[in-house]
Amino acid sequence: MPKLPPSSVSATVDFDADGIQHGFLKLPYSHNDSAWGAIMTPITVIKNGDGQTALLTGGNHGDEYEGITSLLKLTSKLKPKQIRGRIIIIPMMNAPAVQASARVSPIDNGNMNRAFPGHPYGGMTERMADYFTRHLIPMCDTALDIHSGGKTLDIIPFAAAHRLKNKAQEFRCIEGARLFGAPYTFFMEEMDPTKLYDTAVESKGKVFVTTELRGGGTTTPDTIAIADRGIHNFLVYSGILQKNYIDPPSEPVSLEIPDKDAYLQSEHNGILEMCVSLGDEIKEGDLIARIYSTDRTGQTPAYYRATIGGILAARRHASNISIGDTFAVIAKTVE
């Protein structure tokens, strides 16, 4: 394979320097309003001697706010003397999307979590993904990427890992997810893992934990508390934060999204009526939702039933729905 050129992204921080630094990842971006402009992604690096490195990210999607909020708080509160090793904090991984309050970047319609491993000659989102792949991921030992459902989904609050060929790595990931301390811990089967940030990190043999912490394009005191506690616990688990774990109110319930059949997708356009609530126990064949046509009155709705039993782990937040939209995800209990 031909050698890739250097990344066009540059950092204003020194990743090897002890202490705390606040700076930017700078990606040149020439556009109508700024001929010699740049996308400026805020970054904080906290280092105290040798040790493990944790890479903490939020804002992978720009309308998911728990990670953004809790990591911004962390950048002003955490002190080098409290840690051993290094923490790299990027609260707004896709900064243009966050600024636009959108899932994807308004610059190139780039979905950061579908852009990996990226490319130095690609669009702006692919270029940033390439910098993560070739520069940031190799630096880290553990990575935490905090998601929620954004504007279109509502999801029971969980921390998750994936089934991996390397079972020792899989165990380390799921243990990190369990100790995060969300109400639920998931083994997660993705609809398409090929270009995820998750896959880019896991392919390097690193510990990777992700989350979904409710949704609706907002936060609540409860979801922020879960994120705050989870970040603390993840840093303890990583061997970096020199403090004790913060116990969650109850032991996490273990669940698994077993396969793609757990994702229920609409074959109709219209208005969605959910017939079950998040966390409800469901049997195969139970009525999950009705979808009503908006073309005319007097039409019988389309009925959707569960293809498997389990609990309702995620649902569409918005009531308008189009063909292809996922409106429910069912998870099974793991003993």
C-alpha atoms as a PDB file:
ATOM      1  CA  MET A   1       0.000   0.000   0.000  1.00  0.00           C
ATOM      2  CA  PRO A   2       1.272   3.515  -0.745  1.00  0.00           C
ATOM      3  CA  LYS A   3       2.422   5.525   2.238  1.00  0.00           C
ATOM      4  CA  LEU A   4      -0.165   8.040   3.400  1.00  0.00           C
ATOM      5  CA  PRO A   5       0.832  11.708   3.526  1.00  0.00           C
ATOM      6  CA  PRO A   6       1.060  13.588   6.816  1.00  0.00           C
ATOM      7  CA  SER A   7      -2.224  14.610   8.404  1.00  0.00           C
ATOM      8  CA  SER A   8      -3.407  18.151   7.720  1.00  0.00           C
ATOM      9  CA  VAL A   9      -4.538  18.313  11.370  1.00  0.00           C
ATOM     10  CA  SER A  10      -2.098  19.838  13.857  1.00  0.00           C
ATOM     11  CA  ALA A  11      -2.269  20.080  17.644  1.00  0.00           C
ATOM     12  CA  THR A  12      -1.478  23.185  19.708  1.00  0.00           C
ATOM     13  CA  VAL A  13      -0.739  21.007  22.764  1.00  0.00           C
ATOM     14  CA  ASP A  14       2.347  18.932  23.621  1.00  0.00           C
ATOM     15  CA  PHE A  15       1.116  15.407  24.342  1.00  0.00           C
ATOM     16  CA  ASP A  16       4.338  14.542  26.176  1.00  0.00           C
ATOM     17  CA  ALA A  17       4.462  17.515  28.563  1.00  0.00           C
ATOM     18  CA  ASP A  18       3.489  17.148  32.216  1.00  0.00           C
ATOM     19  CA  GLY A  19       0.799  19.441  33.607  1.00  0.00           C
ATOM     20  CA  ILE A  20      -2.494  20.572  32.110  1.00  0.00           C
ATOM     21  CA  GLN A  21      -2.882  22.131  28.662  1.00  0.00           C
ATOM     22  CA  HIS A  22      -5.942  23.490  26.882  1.00  0.00           C
ATOM     23  CA  GLY A  23      -5.641  23.939  23.143  1.00  0.00           C
ATOM     24  CA  PHE A  24      -6.989  22.918  19.758  1.00  0.00           C
ATOM     25  CA  LEU A  25      -6.767  20.417  16.974  1.00  0.00           C
ATOM     26  CA  LYS A  26      -6.508  22.688  13.915  1.00  0.00           C
ATOM     27  CA  LEU A  27      -7.768  21.523  10.535  1.00  0.00           C
ATOM     28  CA  PRO A  28      -7.339  24.063   7.682  1.00  0.00           C
ATOM     29  CA  TYR A  29     -10.660  24.795   6.030  1.00  0.00           C
ATOM     30  CA  SER A  30     -10.974  27.364   3.252  1.00  0.00           C
ATOM     31  CA  HIS A  31     -14.540  28.519   2.674  1.00  0.00           C
ATOM     32  CA  ASN A  32     -16.576  31.514   1.573  1.00  0.00           C
ATOM     33  CA  ASP A  33     -16.463  33.270   4.943  1.00  0.00           C
ATOM     34  CA  SER A  34     -12.769  32.574   5.698  1.00  0.00           C
ATOM     35  CA  ALA A  35     -10.323  31.968   2.866  1.00  0.00           C
ATOM     36  CA  TRP A  36      -7.568  30.853   5.265  1.00  0.00           C
ATOM     37  CA  GLY A  37      -9.798  29.466   7.999  1.00  0.00           C
ATOM     38  CA  ALA A  38      -9.567  26.388  10.184  1.00  0.00           C
ATOM     39  CA  ILE A  39     -11.856  24.042  12.094  1.00  0.00           C
ATOM     40  CA  MET A  40     -10.769  24.422  15.733  1.00  0.00           C
ATOM     41  CA  THR A  41     -11.564  21.378  17.885  1.00  0.00           C
ATOM     42  CA  PRO A  42     -10.940  22.025  21.610  1.00  0.00           C
ATOM     43  CA  ILE A  43      -8.671  19.556  23.399  1.00  0.00           C
ATOM     44  CA  THR A  44      -7.306  19.212  26.937  1.00  0.00           C
ATOM     45  CA  VAL A  45      -4.301  17.081  27.880  1.00  0.00           C
ATOM     46  CA  ILE A  46      -3.577  16.321  31.551  1.00  0.00           C
ATOM     47  CA  LYS A  47      -0.360  14.442  32.314  1.00  0.00           C
ATOM     48  CA  ASN A  48       1.510  13.466  35.446  1.00  0.00           C
ATOM     49  CA  GLY A  49       4.499  11.225  34.851  1.00  0.00           C
ATOM     50  CA  ASP A  50       4.503   7.827  33.206  1.00  0.00           C
ATOM     51  CA  GLY A  51       1.480   5.551  33.114  1.00  0.00           C
ATOM     52  CA  GLN A  52      -1.557   4.613  31.066  1.00  0.00           C
ATOM     53  CA  THR A  53      -3.266   6.969  28.608  1.00  0.00           C
ATOM     54  CA  ALA A  54      -7.055   7.352  28.438  1.00  0.00           C
ATOM     55  CA  LEU A  55      -8.731   9.022  25.450  1.00  0.00           C
ATOM     56  CA  LEU A  56     -12.111  10.530  26.433  1.00  0.00           C
ATOM     57  CA  THR A  57     -14.486  11.803  23.747  1.00  0.00           C
ATOM     58  CA  GLY A  58     -17.951  13.298  23.473  1.00  0.00           C
ATOM     59  CA  GLY A  59     -19.766  15.042  20.642  1.00  0.00           C
ATOM     60  CA  ASN A  60     -19.027  12.283  18.138  1.00  0.00           C
ATOM     61  CA  HIS A  61     -22.549  13.218  17.104  1.00  0.00           C
ATOM     62  CA  GLY A  62     -23.330  16.876  17.639  1.00  0.00           C
ATOM     63  CA  ASP A  63     -26.791  16.503  19.206  1.00  0.00           C
ATOM     64  CA  GLU A  64     -25.735  14.160  22.045  1.00  0.00           C
ATOM     65  CA  TYR A  65     -24.925  16.275  25.074  1.00  0.00           C
ATOM     66  CA  GLU A  66     -24.055  14.146  28.123  1.00  0.00           C
ATOM     67  CA  GLY A  67     -20.496  13.514  26.990  1.00  0.00           C
ATOM     68  CA  ILE A  68     -19.990  17.092  25.862  1.00  0.00           C
ATOM     69  CA  THR A  69     -21.246  18.512  29.157  1.00  0.00           C
ATOM     70  CA  SER A  70     -19.477  16.137  31.535  1.00  0.00           C
ATOM     71  CA  LEU A  71     -16.155  16.315  29.689  1.00  0.00           C
ATOM     72  CA  LEU A  72     -16.241  20.122  29.538  1.00  0.00           C
ATOM     73  CA  LYS A  73     -16.759  20.091  33.315  1.00  0.00           C
ATOM     74  CA  LEU A  74     -13.862  17.676  33.744  1.00  0.00           C
ATOM     75  CA  THR A  75     -11.441  19.934  31.833  1.00  0.00           C
ATOM     76  CA  SER A  76     -11.844  22.673  34.448  1.00  0.00           C
ATOM     77  CA  LYS A  77     -11.930  20.447  37.558  1.00  0.00           C
ATOM     78  CA  LEU A  78      -9.343  17.671  37.176  1.00  0.00           C
ATOM     79  CA  LYS A  79      -5.805  18.467  38.360  1.00  0.00           C
ATOM     80  CA  PRO A  80      -2.552  16.746  37.357  1.00  0.00           C
ATOM     81  CA  LYS A  81      -1.744  15.809  40.966  1.00  0.00           C
ATOM     82  CA  GLN A  82      -4.904  13.655  41.057  1.00  0.00           C
ATOM     83  CA  ILE A  83      -3.693  11.322  38.301  1.00  0.00           C
ATOM     84  CA  ARG A  84      -0.817   9.120  37.244  1.00  0.00           C
ATOM     85  CA  GLY A  85      -0.340   8.904  33.488  1.00  0.00           C
ATOM     86  CA  ARG A  86      -2.160  10.899  30.817  1.00  0.00           C
ATOM     87  CA  ILE A  87      -5.723  11.847  29.904  1.00  0.00           C
ATOM     88  CA  ILE A  88      -6.636  13.258  26.485  1.00  0.00           C
ATOM     89  CA  ILE A  89     -10.055  14.945  26.546  1.00  0.00           C
ATOM     90  CA  ILE A  90     -11.925  15.949  23.382  1.00  0.00           C
ATOM     91  CA  PRO A  91     -15.452  16.981  24.419  1.00  0.00           C
ATOM     92  CA  MET A  92     -16.583  17.823  20.862  1.00  0.00           C
ATOM     93  CA  MET A  93     -15.136  15.240  18.505  1.00  0.00           C
ATOM     94  CA  ASN A  94     -17.178  16.571  15.559  1.00  0.00           C
ATOM     95  CA  ALA A  95     -16.983  20.263  16.439  1.00  0.00           C
ATOM     96  CA  PRO A  96     -18.908  21.582  13.394  1.00  0.00           C
ATOM     97  CA  ALA A  97     -21.805  19.211  14.166  1.00  0.00           C
ATOM     98  CA  VAL A  98     -21.904  20.353  17.806  1.00  0.00           C
ATOM     99  CA  GLN A  99     -21.927  23.992  16.756  1.00  0.00           C
ATOM    100  CA  ALA A 100     -24.850  23.252  14.440  1.00  0.00           C
ATOM    101  CA  SER A 101     -26.726  21.163  17.065  1.00  0.00           C
ATOM    102  CA  ALA A 102     -26.846  18.418  14.451  1.00  0.00           C
ATOM    103  CA  ARG A 103     -25.921  14.743  14.272  1.00  0.00           C
ATOM    104  CA  VAL A 104     -23.578  15.275  11.319  1.00  0.00           C
ATOM    105  CA  SER A 105     -21.281  18.041  10.164  1.00  0.00           C
ATOM    106  CA  PRO A 106     -22.928  20.852   8.169  1.00  0.00           C
ATOM    107  CA  ILE A 107     -19.667  21.247   6.231  1.00  0.00           C
ATOM    108  CA  ASP A 108     -19.620  17.906   4.425  1.00  0.00           C
ATOM    109  CA  ASN A 109     -22.624  16.036   5.893  1.00  0.00           C
ATOM    110  CA  GLY A 110     -19.978  13.913   7.602  1.00  0.00           C
ATOM    111  CA  ASN A 111     -21.043  11.434  10.278  1.00  0.00           C
ATOM    112  CA  MET A 112     -17.907  11.077  12.415  1.00  0.00           C
ATOM    113  CA  ASN A 113     -18.934   7.646  13.615  1.00  0.00           C
ATOM    114  CA  ARG A 114     -19.235   6.401  10.021  1.00  0.00           C
ATOM    115  CA  ALA A 115     -15.987   7.972   8.773  1.00  0.00           C
ATOM    116  CA  PHE A 116     -13.239   5.688  10.130  1.00  0.00           C
ATOM    117  CA  PRO A 117     -10.457   4.990   9.471  1.00  0.00           C
ATOM    118  CA  GLY A 118     -10.702   8.260   7.558  1.00  0.00           C
ATOM    119  CA  HIS A 119      -8.394   9.598   4.882  1.00  0.00           C
ATOM    120  CA  PRO A 120      -5.993  12.584   4.751  1.00  0.00           C
ATOM    121  CA  TYR A 121      -7.378  13.585   1.327  1.00  0.00           C
ATOM    122  CA  GLY A 122     -11.051  13.092   2.230  1.00  0.00           C
ATOM    123  CA  GLY A 123     -13.679  15.545   3.406  1.00  0.00           C
ATOM    124  CA  MET A 124     -13.221  17.469   6.645  1.00  0.00           C
ATOM    125  CA  THR A 125     -14.815  14.708   8.751  1.00  0.00           C
ATOM    126  CA  GLU A 126     -12.685  11.988   7.130  1.00  0.00           C
ATOM    127  CA  ARG A 127      -9.549  14.062   7.717  1.00  0.00           C
ATOM    128  CA  MET A 128     -10.313  14.361  11.412  1.00  0.00           C
ATOM    129  CA  ALA A 129     -11.066  10.620  11.601  1.00  0.00           C
ATOM    130  CA  ASP A 130      -7.708   9.959   9.945  1.00  0.00           C
ATOM    131  CA  TYR A 131      -5.967  12.033  12.627  1.00  0.00           C
ATOM    132  CA  PHE A 132      -7.651   9.984  15.340  1.00  0.00           C
ATOM    133  CA  THR A 133      -6.701   6.733  13.600  1.00  0.00           C
ATOM    134  CA  ARG A 134      -3.040   7.540  12.956  1.00  0.00           C
ATOM    135  CA  HIS A 135      -2.204   9.804  15.915  1.00  0.00           C
ATOM    136  CA  LEU A 136      -4.606   9.684  18.870  1.00  0.00           C
ATOM    137  CA  ILE A 137      -5.661   6.020  18.960  1.00  0.00           C
ATOM    138  CA  PRO A 138      -2.043   4.777  18.947  1.00  0.00           C
ATOM    139  CA  MET A 139      -1.343   6.978  21.998  1.00  0.00           C
ATOM    140  CA  CYS A 140      -4.111   5.530  24.167  1.00  0.00           C
ATOM    141  CA  ASP A 141      -4.494   2.353  26.211  1.00  0.00           C
ATOM    142  CA  THR A 142      -8.191   2.875  26.937  1.00  0.00           C
ATOM    143  CA  ALA A 143     -10.871   4.907  25.171  1.00  0.00           C
ATOM    144  CA  LEU A 144     -14.321   6.062  26.301  1.00  0.00           C
ATOM    145  CA  ASP A 145     -16.762   7.529  23.757  1.00  0.00           C
ATOM    146  CA  ILE A 146     -19.943   8.923  25.328  1.00  0.00           C
ATOM    147  CA  HIS A 147     -23.106   8.808  23.222  1.00  0.00           C
ATOM    148  CA  SER A 148     -26.826   9.271  23.742  1.00  0.00           C
ATOM    149  CA  GLY A 149     -29.769   9.013  21.382  1.00  0.00           C
ATOM    150  CA  GLY A 150     -29.624  12.528  19.971  1.00  0.00           C
ATOM    151  CA  LYS A 151     -32.744  14.221  18.675  1.00  0.00           C
ATOM    152  CA  THR A 152     -34.312  11.122  17.123  1.00  0.00           C
ATOM    153  CA  LEU A 153     -33.836   8.337  19.707  1.00  0.00           C
ATOM    154  CA  ASP A 154     -34.442   7.648  23.392  1.00  0.00           C
ATOM    155  CA  ILE A 155     -32.395   4.820  24.887  1.00  0.00           C
ATOM    156  CA  ILE A 156     -32.168   3.213  28.317  1.00  0.00           C
ATOM    157  CA  PRO A 157     -28.893   4.432  29.877  1.00  0.00           C
ATOM    158  CA  PHE A 158     -26.151   1.886  29.296  1.00  0.00           C
ATOM    159  CA  ALA A 159     -22.419   1.411  28.864  1.00  0.00           C
ATOM    160  CA  ALA A 160     -21.429  -1.127  26.227  1.00  0.00           C
ATOM    161  CA  ALA A 161     -18.734  -3.256  24.681  1.00  0.00           C
ATOM    162  CA  HIS A 162     -18.717  -5.578  21.671  1.00  0.00           C
ATOM    163  CA  ARG A 163     -18.126  -9.259  21.084  1.00  0.00           C
ATOM    164  CA  LEU A 164     -14.501  -9.560  19.912  1.00  0.00           C
ATOM    165  CA  LYS A 165     -12.346 -12.347  18.513  1.00  0.00           C
ATOM    166  CA  ASN A 166      -9.755 -11.590  21.201  1.00  0.00           C
ATOM    167  CA  LYS A 167     -11.607 -12.796  24.300  1.00  0.00           C
ATOM    168  CA  ALA A 168      -9.092 -11.295  26.727  1.00  0.00           C
ATOM    169  CA  GLN A 169      -9.631  -7.888  25.103  1.00  0.00           C
ATOM    170  CA  GLU A 170     -13.406  -8.463  25.089  1.00  0.00           C
ATOM    171  CA  PHE A 171     -13.323  -9.168  28.832  1.00  0.00           C
ATOM    172  CA  ARG A 172     -11.338  -5.990  29.554  1.00  0.00           C
ATOM    173  CA  CYS A 173     -13.826  -3.946  27.518  1.00  0.00           C
ATOM    174  CA  ILE A 174     -16.972  -5.360  29.124  1.00  0.00           C
ATOM    175  CA  GLU A 175     -15.413  -5.023  32.585  1.00  0.00           C
ATOM    176  CA  GLY A 176     -14.754  -1.356  31.848  1.00  0.00           C
ATOM    177  CA  ALA A 177     -18.374  -0.996  30.713  1.00  0.00           C
ATOM    178  CA  ARG A 178     -19.680  -2.681  33.869  1.00  0.00           C
ATOM    179  CA  LEU A 179     -17.559  -0.540  36.164  1.00  0.00           C
ATOM    180  CA  PHE A 180     -18.701   2.625  34.351  1.00  0.00           C
ATOM    181  CA  GLY A 181     -21.772   2.161  36.529  1.00  0.00           C
ATOM    182  CA  ALA A 182     -24.693   2.925  34.197  1.00  0.00           C
ATOM    183  CA  PRO A 183     -28.000   1.220  35.052  1.00  0.00           C
ATOM    184  CA  TYR A 184     -27.421  -1.269  32.210  1.00  0.00           C
ATOM    185  CA  THR A 185     -24.339  -2.952  30.736  1.00  0.00           C
ATOM    186  CA  PHE A 186     -24.582  -4.114  27.130  1.00  0.00           C
ATOM    187  CA  PHE A 187     -22.916  -6.475  24.750  1.00  0.00           C
ATOM    188  CA  MET A 188     -23.831  -4.669  21.551  1.00  0.00           C
ATOM    189  CA  GLU A 189     -24.323  -5.930  18.012  1.00  0.00           C
ATOM    190  CA  GLU A 190     -24.043  -2.930  15.685  1.00  0.00           C
ATOM    191  CA  MET A 191     -26.130  -2.625  12.521  1.00  0.00           C
ATOM    192  CA  ASP A 192     -22.930  -1.886  10.553  1.00  0.00           C
ATOM    193  CA  PRO A 193     -19.611  -1.751  12.460  1.00  0.00           C
ATOM    194  CA  THR A 194     -17.306  -1.352   9.463  1.00  0.00           C
ATOM    195  CA  LYS A 195     -16.567   2.395   9.703  1.00  0.00           C
ATOM    196  CA  LEU A 196     -17.203   3.042  13.405  1.00  0.00           C
ATOM    197  CA  TYR A 197     -14.764   4.763  15.751  1.00  0.00           C
ATOM    198  CA  ASP A 198     -15.376   1.762  18.015  1.00  0.00           C
ATOM    199  CA  THR A 199     -13.969  -0.618  15.409  1.00  0.00           C
ATOM    200  CA  ALA A 200     -10.954   1.604  14.737  1.00  0.00           C
ATOM    201  CA  VAL A 201     -10.003   1.514  18.430  1.00  0.00           C
ATOM    202  CA  GLU A 202     -10.764  -2.183  18.969  1.00  0.00           C
ATOM    203  CA  SER A 203      -8.766  -3.181  15.887  1.00  0.00           C
ATOM    204  CA  LYS A 204      -5.662  -1.804  17.611  1.00  0.00           C
ATOM    205  CA  GLY A 205      -6.208  -4.067  20.620  1.00  0.00           C
ATOM    206  CA  LYS A 206      -7.266  -1.223  22.918  1.00  0.00           C
ATOM    207  CA  VAL A 207      -9.939  -1.191  25.628  1.00  0.00           C
ATOM    208  CA  PHE A 208     -13.000   0.581  24.235  1.00  0.00           C
ATOM    209  CA  VAL A 209     -16.227   1.473  26.066  1.00  0.00           C
ATOM    210  CA  THR A 210     -19.152   3.346  24.576  1.00  0.00           C
ATOM    211  CA  THR A 211     -22.455   4.525  26.041  1.00  0.00           C
ATOM    212  CA  GLU A 212     -25.998   5.514  25.232  1.00  0.00           C
ATOM    213  CA  LEU A 213     -27.459   7.782  27.940  1.00  0.00           C
ATOM    214  CA  ARG A 214     -31.112   8.459  27.004  1.00  0.00           C
ATOM    215  CA  GLY A 215     -31.621  11.039  24.213  1.00  0.00           C
ATOM    216  CA  GLY A 216     -34.089  13.497  22.769  1.00  0.00           C
ATOM    217  CA  GLY A 217     -31.386  16.065  22.058  1.00  0.00           C
ATOM    218  CA  THR A 218     -31.136  17.181  25.686  1.00  0.00           C
ATOM    219  CA  THR A 219     -29.821  16.132  29.095  1.00  0.00           C
ATOM    220  CA  THR A 220     -31.346  15.555  32.519  1.00  0.00           C
ATOM    221  CA  PRO A 221     -29.786  15.735  36.001  1.00  0.00           C
ATOM    222  CA  ASP A 222     -29.922  11.929  36.091  1.00  0.00           C
ATOM    223  CA  THR A 223     -28.113  11.400  32.778  1.00  0.00           C
ATOM    224  CA  ILE A 224     -25.410  13.934  33.633  1.00  0.00           C
ATOM    225  CA  ALA A 225     -24.914  12.228  37.004  1.00  0.00           C
ATOM    226  CA  ILE A 226     -24.463   8.892  35.193  1.00  0.00           C
ATOM    227  CA  ALA A 227     -21.914  10.435  32.826  1.00  0.00           C
ATOM    228  CA  ASP A 228     -19.998  12.187  35.629  1.00  0.00           C
ATOM    229  CA  ARG A 229     -19.812   9.008  37.708  1.00  0.00           C
ATOM    230  CA  GLY A 230     -18.977   6.867  34.691  1.00  0.00           C
ATOM    231  CA  ILE A 231     -16.058   9.036  33.584  1.00  0.00           C
ATOM    232  CA  HIS A 232     -14.656   8.987  37.124  1.00  0.00           C
ATOM    233  CA  ASN A 233     -14.971   5.200  37.310  1.00  0.00           C
ATOM    234  CA  PHE A 234     -13.497   4.675  33.841  1.00  0.00           C
ATOM    235  CA  LEU A 235     -10.410   6.665  34.804  1.00  0.00           C
ATOM    236  CA  VAL A 236     -10.073   4.626  37.997  1.00  0.00           C
ATOM    237  CA  TYR A 237     -10.426   1.445  35.938  1.00  0.00           C
ATOM    238  CA  SER A 238      -7.767   2.710  33.537  1.00  0.00           C
ATOM    239  CA  GLY A 239      -5.315   3.012  36.457  1.00  0.00           C
ATOM    240  CA  ILE A 240      -4.991   6.767  35.986  1.00  0.00           C
ATOM    241  CA  LEU A 241      -7.250   8.494  38.523  1.00  0.00           C
ATOM    242  CA  GLN A 242      -5.933   7.883  42.027  1.00  0.00           C
ATOM    243  CA  LYS A 243      -9.311   7.655  43.732  1.00  0.00           C
ATOM    244  CA  ASN A 244     -11.888   5.012  44.655  1.00  0.00           C
ATOM    245  CA  TYR A 245     -14.764   3.894  42.469  1.00  0.00           C
ATOM    246  CA  ILE A 246     -18.099   5.644  42.975  1.00  0.00           C
ATOM    247  CA  ASP A 247     -20.726   2.938  43.433  1.00  0.00           C
ATOM    248  CA  PRO A 248     -23.897   3.292  41.344  1.00  0.00           C
ATOM    249  CA  PRO A 249     -27.289   3.161  43.095  1.00  0.00           C
ATOM    250  CA  SER A 250     -27.684  -0.475  41.983  1.00  0.00           C
ATOM    251  CA  GLU A 251     -25.655  -3.158  40.228  1.00  0.00           C
ATOM    252  CA  PRO A 252     -25.931  -2.782  36.428  1.00  0.00           C
ATOM    253  CA  VAL A 253     -28.291  -5.170  34.642  1.00  0.00           C
ATOM    254  CA  SER A 254     -26.493  -7.109  31.886  1.00  0.00           C
ATOM    255  CA  LEU A 255     -28.162  -7.134  28.465  1.00  0.00           C
ATOM    256  CA  GLU A 256     -27.228  -8.017  24.914  1.00  0.00           C
ATOM    257  CA  ILE A 257     -28.398  -6.868  21.512  1.00  0.00           C
ATOM    258  CA  PRO A 258     -28.030 -10.334  19.979  1.00  0.00           C
ATOM    259  CA  ASP A 259     -28.195  -9.616  16.256  1.00  0.00           C
ATOM    260  CA  LYS A 260     -29.625  -7.310  13.610  1.00  0.00           C
ATOM    261  CA  ASP A 261     -33.122  -8.768  14.106  1.00  0.00           C
ATOM    262  CA  ALA A 262     -33.253  -6.821  17.376  1.00  0.00           C
ATOM    263  CA  TYR A 263     -33.577  -3.590  15.360  1.00  0.00           C
ATOM    264  CA  LEU A 264     -37.171  -2.960  14.211  1.00  0.00           C
ATOM    265  CA  GLN A 265     -37.375  -0.691  11.172  1.00  0.00           C
ATOM    266  CA  SER A 266     -40.366   0.964   9.596  1.00  0.00           C
ATOM    267  CA  GLU A 267     -41.721  -0.034   6.200  1.00  0.00           C
ATOM    268  CA  HIS A 268     -44.191   2.858   6.222  1.00  0.00           C
ATOM    269  CA  ASN A 269     -44.248   6.650   6.322  1.00  0.00           C
ATOM    270  CA  GLY A 270     -46.483   8.359   8.832  1.00  0.00           C
ATOM    271  CA  ILE A 271     -47.025   8.960  12.547  1.00  0.00           C
ATOM    272  CA  LEU A 272     -45.582   6.538  15.096  1.00  0.00           C
ATOM    273  CA  GLU A 273     -47.565   5.359  18.124  1.00  0.00           C
ATOM    274  CA  MET A 274     -45.397   3.357  20.520  1.00  0.00           C
ATOM    275  CA  CYS A 275     -47.371   0.733  22.450  1.00  0.00           C
ATOM    276  CA  VAL A 276     -44.649  -0.142  24.984  1.00  0.00           C
ATOM    277  CA  SER A 277     -42.279   1.966  27.087  1.00  0.00           C
ATOM    278  CA  LEU A 278     -38.522   1.917  27.537  1.00  0.00           C
ATOM    279  CA  GLY A 279     -37.499  -0.908  29.860  1.00  0.00           C
ATOM    280  CA  ASP A 280     -40.756  -2.857  29.419  1.00  0.00           C
ATOM    281  CA  GLU A 281     -40.485  -6.633  29.190  1.00  0.00           C
ATOM    282  CA  ILE A 282     -41.629  -7.896  25.794  1.00  0.00           C
ATOM    283  CA  LYS A 283     -42.579 -11.315  24.471  1.00  0.00           C
ATOM    284  CA  GLU A 284     -42.166 -12.413  20.883  1.00  0.00           C
ATOM    285  CA  GLY A 285     -45.281 -11.366  18.997  1.00  0.00           C
ATOM    286  CA  ASP A 286     -46.224  -8.507  21.355  1.00  0.00           C
ATOM    287  CA  LEU A 287     -47.529  -5.357  19.716  1.00  0.00           C
ATOM    288  CA  ILE A 288     -44.711  -2.773  19.717  1.00  0.00           C
ATOM    289  CA  ALA A 289     -46.068   0.072  17.594  1.00  0.00           C
ATOM    290  CA  ARG A 290     -48.661   1.311  15.163  1.00  0.00           C
ATOM    291  CA  ILE A 291     -47.905   3.628  12.260  1.00  0.00           C
ATOM    292  CA  TYR A 292     -50.694   5.802  10.875  1.00  0.00           C
ATOM    293  CA  SER A 293     -50.732   7.080   7.311  1.00  0.00           C
ATOM    294  CA  THR A 294     -50.922  10.861   6.935  1.00  0.00           C
ATOM    295  CA  ASP A 295     -52.110  10.651   3.329  1.00  0.00           C
ATOM    296  CA  ARG A 296     -55.800  10.484   4.286  1.00  0.00           C
ATOM    297  CA  THR A 297     -58.155   9.728   7.166  1.00  0.00           C
ATOM    298  CA  GLY A 298     -59.942   6.451   7.796  1.00  0.00           C
ATOM    299  CA  GLN A 299     -56.912   4.236   7.100  1.00  0.00           C
ATOM    300  CA  THR A 300     -56.075   1.180   9.207  1.00  0.00           C
ATOM    301  CA  PRO A 301     -52.630   1.611  10.808  1.00  0.00           C
ATOM    302  CA  ALA A 302     -49.698  -0.708  10.171  1.00  0.00           C
ATOM    303  CA  TYR A 303     -49.054  -2.982  13.152  1.00  0.00           C
ATOM    304  CA  TYR A 304     -45.509  -3.944  14.201  1.00  0.00           C
ATOM    305  CA  ARG A 305     -44.844  -6.854  16.552  1.00  0.00           C
ATOM    306  CA  ALA A 306     -41.740  -8.034  18.389  1.00  0.00           C
ATOM    307  CA  THR A 307     -39.630 -10.513  16.457  1.00  0.00           C
ATOM    308  CA  ILE A 308     -37.859 -11.602  19.646  1.00  0.00           C
ATOM    309  CA  GLY A 309     -38.496 -11.400  23.387  1.00  0.00           C
ATOM    310  CA  GLY A 310     -36.566  -9.188  25.790  1.00  0.00           C
ATOM    311  CA  ILE A 311     -36.871  -5.598  26.963  1.00  0.00           C
ATOM    312  CA  LEU A 312     -37.361  -2.422  24.978  1.00  0.00           C
ATOM    313  CA  ALA A 313     -33.874  -0.901  25.016  1.00  0.00           C
ATOM    314  CA  ALA A 314     -34.373   1.963  22.564  1.00  0.00           C
ATOM    315  CA  ARG A 315     -37.201   3.728  20.766  1.00  0.00           C
ATOM    316  CA  ARG A 316     -37.604   6.469  18.226  1.00  0.00           C
ATOM    317  CA  HIS A 317     -38.045   9.783  20.028  1.00  0.00           C
ATOM    318  CA  ALA A 318     -39.704  11.667  17.199  1.00  0.00           C
ATOM    319  CA  SER A 319     -43.293  10.733  16.311  1.00  0.00           C
ATOM    320  CA  ASN A 320     -42.946  11.344  12.590  1.00  0.00           C
ATOM    321  CA  ILE A 321     -41.409   8.334  10.876  1.00  0.00           C
ATOM    322  CA  SER A 322     -40.206   7.381   7.403  1.00  0.00           C
ATOM    323  CA  ILE A 323     -39.492   4.101   5.660  1.00  0.00           C
ATOM    324  CA  GLY A 324     -36.190   2.723   6.957  1.00  0.00           C
ATOM    325  CA  ASP A 325     -36.246   4.485  10.346  1.00  0.00           C
ATOM    326  CA  THR A 326     -35.444   2.285  13.342  1.00  0.00           C
ATOM    327  CA  PHE A 327     -38.225   2.752  15.889  1.00  0.00           C
ATOM    328  CA  ALA A 328     -37.421   0.052  18.464  1.00  0.00           C
ATOM    329  CA  VAL A 329     -34.497  -2.061  19.646  1.00  0.00           C
ATOM    330  CA  ILE A 330     -35.028  -5.142  21.805  1.00  0.00           C
ATOM    331  CA  ALA A 331     -32.317  -6.474  24.108  1.00  0.00           C
ATOM    332  CA  LYS A 332     -32.069  -9.813  25.889  1.00  0.00           C
ATOM    333  CA  THR A 333     -30.956 -10.404  29.484  1.00  0.00           C
ATOM    334  CA  VAL A 334     -27.501 -11.945  29.873  1.00  0.00           C
ATOM    335  CA  GLU A 335     -27.044 -14.284  32.831  1.00  0.00           C
END
